[in-house]
Amino acid sequence: MVRVDREARKAIAEKLVKWYEIKGRQFSWRKEGLEPYHILIAEMMLQKTRAEMVERVYRDFLGKYPNPQTLAAATVEEIASCLKPLGLYNRRARWMKVISETLVSRYQAKLPKEKKDLMDLPGIGAYIVHAILCFAYDKPVPLVDVNVARVLGRVASIEVSGDIRRNRKLHKVAAELVPKKKFKEFNWALVDLGALVCTSKNPKHHDCPIASFCKFAAIEKLKNKCKKI
């Protein structure tokens, strides 16, 4: 692991936010002023699913189930029918049904604001909890999914394998990088960078706004130079 100093962290955050403002993807769940419930539904749909596919389903789903009460009143079969294009629809539908019922019965149909209460909700883990805290409740917390783990692992020379949820070094770097301002854009930038530029195969170093800070990019550049000799 290579330590990223304070100045580098600041520069990385600034470059990522600037890149996102120009090249970041725009989705319905990234708009300002959304209800926390809307963020929850988006994040549950996004698990193991491409964002472009979720976009097609998300708006219609919220049109039919605009709040926890309407979702709790639906059957699992009705919910699953709406989720079929995403795959894993029966599993998603069961958890959406359970979590909406929990919100209605325990929290007056509202998502709690405290992390410990969110973690107690059925069917969601730390990533979705952090997404709700960040995008719904304006908390500067890190988000680490597979794409983000790949980006941070390459930048800081961290071995990324196995369960990324248990990778303390990775989460430490992620927490250190999150800026106090524009943290939403920063988190979206990392997600998009991993999806569009810092891909698992053939990463586009020339398009990466933080390539100059990336240990992996530096090694790849050196390898390419050696091949030409």
Foldseek 3Di string as FASTA:
>chain_A
DADQDPVNLVQVLVLLLVCCVPDFDDAPLQDPPDALVLLLVLVLLPVVFDSVQCRVLSVVLCVQVVFLVSLLPDDLVVQLVSNVSSPVSSVSSVLSNQQSVCCVVPPVRGDDQDLVSNCPGPDDHDQSSVSSNCRVVPDQAFHDDPLLLLVQCQLRVNDDDDDPVPRPVSRVVRRSNRDSPPSSSSRSSSVVCSVPASDPPPGNLVPDSSSVRGNNSVVVVVVVVVVVD
